[in-house]
Amino acid sequence: MSTWFWLNVPLCVAIFSAVVGIPLWLTFKRPDTGREVAEVRARLTAVPMHAVSRDEVAAWRAAA
């Protein structure tokens, strides 16, 4: 009975390492930078989120 437990331990370690390691690796591979956050912030202020068409965006920019 205890043999099956010890055979499952390496499998559990491998799965846990993948669940924790892959997102961590992706985070280190492509970290968020301040420049990208600033671009998103500028884009949100340049175009209203509720805009449906380019004409509406043009009217919104002309009014500002």
Protein backbone atom coordinates (compact mmCIF):
# COMPACT_ATOMS: atom_id res chain seq x y z
CA MET A 1 0.00 0.00 0.00
CA SER A 2 2.71 2.49 0.85
CA THR A 3 4.53 1.66 -2.40
CA TRP A 4 1.76 3.24 -4.46
CA PHE A 5 1.97 6.39 -2.36
CA TRP A 6 5.69 6.77 -3.00
CA LEU A 7 5.18 6.13 -6.71
CA ASN A 8 2.68 9.00 -6.85
CA VAL A 9 4.94 11.52 -5.09
CA PRO A 10 7.14 12.24 -8.16
CA LEU A 11 4.02 12.66 -10.29
CA CYS A 12 2.56 15.12 -7.78
CA VAL A 13 5.83 17.05 -7.65
CA ALA A 14 5.94 17.27 -11.46
CA ILE A 15 2.33 18.50 -11.73
CA PHE A 16 2.76 21.01 -8.90
CA SER A 17 5.98 22.31 -10.46
CA ALA A 18 4.21 22.78 -13.81
CA VAL A 19 1.23 24.55 -12.24
CA VAL A 20 3.46 26.95 -10.32
CA GLY A 21 6.43 27.15 -12.68
CA ILE A 22 4.82 27.82 -16.05
CA PRO A 23 2.92 30.99 -15.03
CA LEU A 24 5.97 32.18 -13.09
CA TRP A 25 8.18 31.59 -16.11
CA LEU A 26 5.76 33.48 -18.36
CA THR A 27 5.73 36.37 -15.90
CA PHE A 28 9.52 36.64 -15.93
CA LYS A 29 9.65 36.18 -19.70
CA ARG A 30 7.28 39.08 -20.46
CA PRO A 31 6.98 41.42 -17.47
CA ASP A 32 4.67 44.41 -17.56
CA THR A 33 6.56 47.61 -18.13
CA GLY A 34 5.67 51.13 -17.20
CA ARG A 35 5.75 52.20 -20.85
CA GLU A 36 3.05 49.70 -21.83
CA VAL A 37 0.88 50.74 -18.89
CA ALA A 38 1.30 54.41 -19.88
CA GLU A 39 0.31 53.59 -23.48
CA VAL A 40 -2.86 51.86 -22.32
CA ARG A 41 -3.71 54.78 -20.04
CA ALA A 42 -3.19 57.25 -22.92
CA ARG A 43 -5.32 55.12 -25.24
CA LEU A 44 -8.15 55.03 -22.71
CA THR A 45 -8.15 58.81 -22.38
CA ALA A 46 -7.88 59.29 -26.17
CA VAL A 47 -10.90 57.17 -27.06
CA PRO A 48 -13.96 56.79 -24.87
CA MET A 49 -14.82 53.21 -23.99
CA HIS A 50 -18.44 53.65 -25.04
CA ALA A 51 -17.58 54.80 -28.59
CA VAL A 52 -19.33 52.71 -31.22
CA SER A 53 -18.09 54.28 -34.46
CA ARG A 54 -15.26 56.47 -35.76
CA ASP A 55 -17.70 59.33 -36.26
CA GLU A 56 -18.61 59.23 -32.59
CA VAL A 57 -14.93 59.28 -31.64
CA ALA A 58 -14.30 62.24 -33.96
CA ALA A 59 -17.23 64.12 -32.43
CA TRP A 60 -15.98 63.33 -28.93
CA ARG A 61 -12.47 64.59 -29.76
CA ALA A 62 -13.85 67.76 -31.35
CA ALA A 63 -15.93 68.47 -28.26
CA ALA A 64 -12.96 68.07 -25.89
